[in-house]
Amino acid sequence: MSLRYLLDTNVISEANRLTPNANVVQKLTNHQRESAIASVTMHELLYGCLRLAESQKRQFLFEYIK
C-alpha cells in the first residue's frame, strides 16, 4: 500500500481524548497503514508532551507518541 494520508496534530491527539470522536478513531484504525505524520507534527506532539510536569499522563503521552 502507498501513503494516502498526512495526519495533523489534532487528528493524532483526537484518539487520546477522554471521549474521542468515533468517526476519527474508525478512520485512523481503517487507514493506519496508509497514514503518516510530518516531522513538524512529531515535534509539536513531543513539545507539548515535554512541557507537561512529570506525571503518569506525561509518561503515557510520551509512550503514545513514540
N, C-alpha and C. Protein backbone atom coordinates (compact mmCIF):
# COMPACT_ATOMS: atom_id res chain seq x y z
N MET A 1 0.83 -1.19 0.00
CA MET A 1 0.00 0.00 0.00
C MET A 1 0.87 1.25 0.00
N SER A 2 0.34 2.30 -0.52
CA SER A 2 1.06 3.57 -0.52
C SER A 2 0.44 4.51 0.52
N LEU A 3 1.20 5.53 0.87
CA LEU A 3 0.70 6.51 1.82
C LEU A 3 -0.32 7.41 1.15
N ARG A 4 -1.45 7.59 1.82
CA ARG A 4 -2.51 8.41 1.26
C ARG A 4 -2.89 9.58 2.15
N TYR A 5 -2.55 9.47 3.45
CA TYR A 5 -2.99 10.47 4.41
C TYR A 5 -1.80 11.02 5.20
N LEU A 6 -1.72 12.34 5.27
CA LEU A 6 -0.73 13.01 6.10
C LEU A 6 -1.51 13.62 7.26
N LEU A 7 -1.32 13.07 8.44
CA LEU A 7 -2.15 13.44 9.58
C LEU A 7 -1.63 14.68 10.30
N ASP A 8 -2.56 15.48 10.77
CA ASP A 8 -2.27 16.69 11.51
C ASP A 8 -2.22 16.35 13.01
N THR A 9 -1.65 17.27 13.78
CA THR A 9 -1.54 17.10 15.23
C THR A 9 -2.91 16.86 15.87
N ASN A 10 -3.90 17.58 15.43
CA ASN A 10 -5.24 17.44 16.01
C ASN A 10 -5.82 16.04 15.79
N VAL A 11 -5.57 15.46 14.65
CA VAL A 11 -6.08 14.12 14.36
C VAL A 11 -5.37 13.09 15.23
N ILE A 12 -4.06 13.22 15.38
CA ILE A 12 -3.30 12.30 16.22
C ILE A 12 -3.76 12.41 17.68
N SER A 13 -4.01 13.62 18.13
CA SER A 13 -4.42 13.85 19.52
C SER A 13 -5.84 13.38 19.79
N GLU A 14 -6.68 13.37 18.79
CA GLU A 14 -8.09 13.03 18.97
C GLU A 14 -8.28 11.64 19.57
N ALA A 15 -7.51 10.69 19.13
CA ALA A 15 -7.66 9.31 19.62
C ALA A 15 -7.33 9.19 21.10
N ASN A 16 -6.66 10.17 21.66
CA ASN A 16 -6.24 10.10 23.05
C ASN A 16 -7.11 10.94 23.99
N ARG A 17 -8.17 11.52 23.48
CA ARG A 17 -9.08 12.31 24.31
C ARG A 17 -9.92 11.39 25.20
N LEU A 18 -10.52 11.98 26.24
CA LEU A 18 -11.39 11.19 27.12
C LEU A 18 -12.57 10.61 26.36
N THR A 19 -13.15 11.41 25.47
CA THR A 19 -14.24 10.93 24.61
C THR A 19 -13.91 11.27 23.17
N PRO A 20 -13.11 10.43 22.53
CA PRO A 20 -12.70 10.72 21.16
C PRO A 20 -13.87 10.59 20.19
N ASN A 21 -13.77 11.32 19.10
CA ASN A 21 -14.76 11.24 18.04
C ASN A 21 -14.66 9.85 17.41
N ALA A 22 -15.75 9.12 17.45
CA ALA A 22 -15.76 7.75 16.95
C ALA A 22 -15.40 7.66 15.47
N ASN A 23 -15.82 8.63 14.69
CA ASN A 23 -15.51 8.62 13.26
C ASN A 23 -14.01 8.77 13.01
N VAL A 24 -13.37 9.65 13.77
CA VAL A 24 -11.92 9.84 13.62
C VAL A 24 -11.17 8.57 14.01
N VAL A 25 -11.56 7.98 15.12
CA VAL A 25 -10.91 6.75 15.58
C VAL A 25 -11.08 5.64 14.56
N GLN A 26 -12.28 5.52 14.00
CA GLN A 26 -12.54 4.49 12.99
C GLN A 26 -11.68 4.70 11.75
N LYS A 27 -11.59 5.94 11.29
CA LYS A 27 -10.75 6.24 10.11
C LYS A 27 -9.28 5.94 10.40
N LEU A 28 -8.81 6.32 11.59
CA LEU A 28 -7.42 6.02 11.95
C LEU A 28 -7.16 4.51 11.94
N THR A 29 -8.10 3.78 12.48
CA THR A 29 -7.97 2.32 12.52
C THR A 29 -7.98 1.72 11.12
N ASN A 30 -8.92 2.17 10.30
CA ASN A 30 -9.05 1.61 8.96
C ASN A 30 -7.89 1.95 8.03
N HIS A 31 -7.24 3.08 8.26
CA HIS A 31 -6.22 3.56 7.33
C HIS A 31 -4.84 3.70 7.97
N GLN A 32 -4.59 2.97 9.05
CA GLN A 32 -3.32 3.14 9.74
C GLN A 32 -2.10 2.79 8.90
N ARG A 33 -2.22 1.88 7.99
CA ARG A 33 -1.07 1.51 7.14
C ARG A 33 -0.88 2.47 5.96
N GLU A 34 -1.84 3.36 5.77
CA GLU A 34 -1.77 4.32 4.67
C GLU A 34 -1.51 5.74 5.17
N SER A 35 -1.23 5.87 6.47
CA SER A 35 -1.10 7.18 7.10
C SER A 35 0.31 7.46 7.56
N ALA A 36 0.64 8.74 7.60
CA ALA A 36 1.95 9.17 8.09
C ALA A 36 1.78 10.53 8.75
N ILE A 37 2.82 10.96 9.49
CA ILE A 37 2.83 12.30 10.04
C ILE A 37 4.12 12.98 9.62
N ALA A 38 4.07 14.29 9.51
CA ALA A 38 5.25 15.07 9.14
C ALA A 38 6.14 15.25 10.36
N SER A 39 7.40 15.56 10.12
CA SER A 39 8.33 15.78 11.22
C SER A 39 7.89 16.97 12.08
N VAL A 40 7.26 17.96 11.47
CA VAL A 40 6.76 19.11 12.22
C VAL A 40 5.68 18.67 13.20
N THR A 41 4.82 17.78 12.75
CA THR A 41 3.76 17.26 13.62
C THR A 41 4.36 16.48 14.78
N MET A 42 5.36 15.67 14.51
CA MET A 42 6.04 14.92 15.58
C MET A 42 6.64 15.89 16.59
N HIS A 43 7.26 16.94 16.10
CA HIS A 43 7.85 17.94 17.00
C HIS A 43 6.78 18.61 17.85
N GLU A 44 5.64 18.98 17.25
CA GLU A 44 4.56 19.60 18.01
C GLU A 44 4.07 18.68 19.12
N LEU A 45 3.90 17.41 18.81
CA LEU A 45 3.44 16.45 19.81
C LEU A 45 4.45 16.30 20.95
N LEU A 46 5.71 16.14 20.60
CA LEU A 46 6.75 16.00 21.62
C LEU A 46 6.90 17.26 22.46
N TYR A 47 6.87 18.41 21.83
CA TYR A 47 7.00 19.67 22.54
C TYR A 47 5.86 19.82 23.56
N GLY A 48 4.65 19.57 23.13
CA GLY A 48 3.51 19.66 24.04
C GLY A 48 3.61 18.67 25.19
N CYS A 49 4.04 17.47 24.89
CA CYS A 49 4.19 16.44 25.92
C CYS A 49 5.26 16.82 26.93
N LEU A 50 6.41 17.25 26.46
CA LEU A 50 7.53 17.54 27.34
C LEU A 50 7.33 18.82 28.15
N ARG A 51 6.36 19.64 27.79
CA ARG A 51 6.04 20.83 28.59
C ARG A 51 5.24 20.47 29.82
N LEU A 52 4.63 19.28 29.84
CA LEU A 52 3.85 18.84 31.00
C LEU A 52 4.79 18.52 32.16
N ALA A 53 4.27 18.67 33.37
CA ALA A 53 5.03 18.27 34.55
C ALA A 53 5.19 16.76 34.55
N GLU A 54 6.26 16.27 35.19
CA GLU A 54 6.46 14.83 35.30
C GLU A 54 5.23 14.20 35.94
N SER A 55 4.64 13.25 35.25
CA SER A 55 3.42 12.59 35.76
C SER A 55 3.17 11.33 34.94
N GLN A 56 2.18 10.57 35.39
CA GLN A 56 1.79 9.38 34.63
C GLN A 56 1.21 9.77 33.28
N LYS A 57 0.48 10.89 33.25
CA LYS A 57 -0.10 11.36 31.98
C LYS A 57 1.01 11.69 30.99
N ARG A 58 2.04 12.39 31.45
CA ARG A 58 3.15 12.73 30.56
C ARG A 58 3.83 11.46 30.05
N GLN A 59 4.08 10.51 30.94
CA GLN A 59 4.72 9.26 30.53
C GLN A 59 3.86 8.52 29.52
N PHE A 60 2.54 8.47 29.77
CA PHE A 60 1.62 7.80 28.84
C PHE A 60 1.67 8.47 27.47
N LEU A 61 1.61 9.81 27.45
CA LEU A 61 1.64 10.54 26.17
C LEU A 61 2.96 10.33 25.44
N PHE A 62 4.04 10.32 26.19
CA PHE A 62 5.35 10.11 25.57
C PHE A 62 5.41 8.73 24.91
N GLU A 63 4.92 7.73 25.59
CA GLU A 63 4.88 6.37 25.01
C GLU A 63 3.94 6.31 23.81
N TYR A 64 2.82 7.01 23.88
CA TYR A 64 1.86 7.06 22.79
C TYR A 64 2.48 7.70 21.54
N ILE A 65 3.25 8.76 21.75
CA ILE A 65 3.86 9.46 20.63
C ILE A 65 4.99 8.65 19.99
N LYS A 66 5.75 7.95 20.81
CA LYS A 66 6.88 7.15 20.27
C LYS A 66 6.33 6.16 19.31
